[in-house]
Amino acid sequence: LPLGTVSFLDGAHIFESSTWIMSLEEEIIKTQNILQPLVDRPQLKAKLLSKPPFRFLHDIVSATTRSTGFAEGLYKGEELDSGAIRDKESKLNYLGKIAACVSICIGKNVDMRGPKVV
């Protein structure tokens, strides 16, 4: 349904663009179709995509960078090892970096609520 600019995530629907809302299931399928060809591991299972743990997100970002070169050099040192990122602040910083990078590349703000993710 066209709704104008919408910005929310309620478990049933998520923000798709400034004009459309897709169900979580539709968004998961779209994500799988776009990313799975770029990512050997981890497998993008619907259960993990619906509420992804930090390690899963880290693995997807890392695999996408390896296969495409996107965000190469964004992370350094311990940030490259998901096991070294243990505290909430470090996880939020990691996710904030990739959200900012994507925002710059697409020319609009990525609405990522870090505290809800970690």
Foldseek 3Di string as FASTA:
>chain_A
DFDAADQDDDLQWHDDDRTDIDGLVVVLVVCQVPQVVQAVPDRSDSVCSSQPALVRVLNSVLSNCVRPVQCVPLDDDPSNPPVSQDDLVSSLVSVVSVQVSVCVVVVHHDDDDSVSND
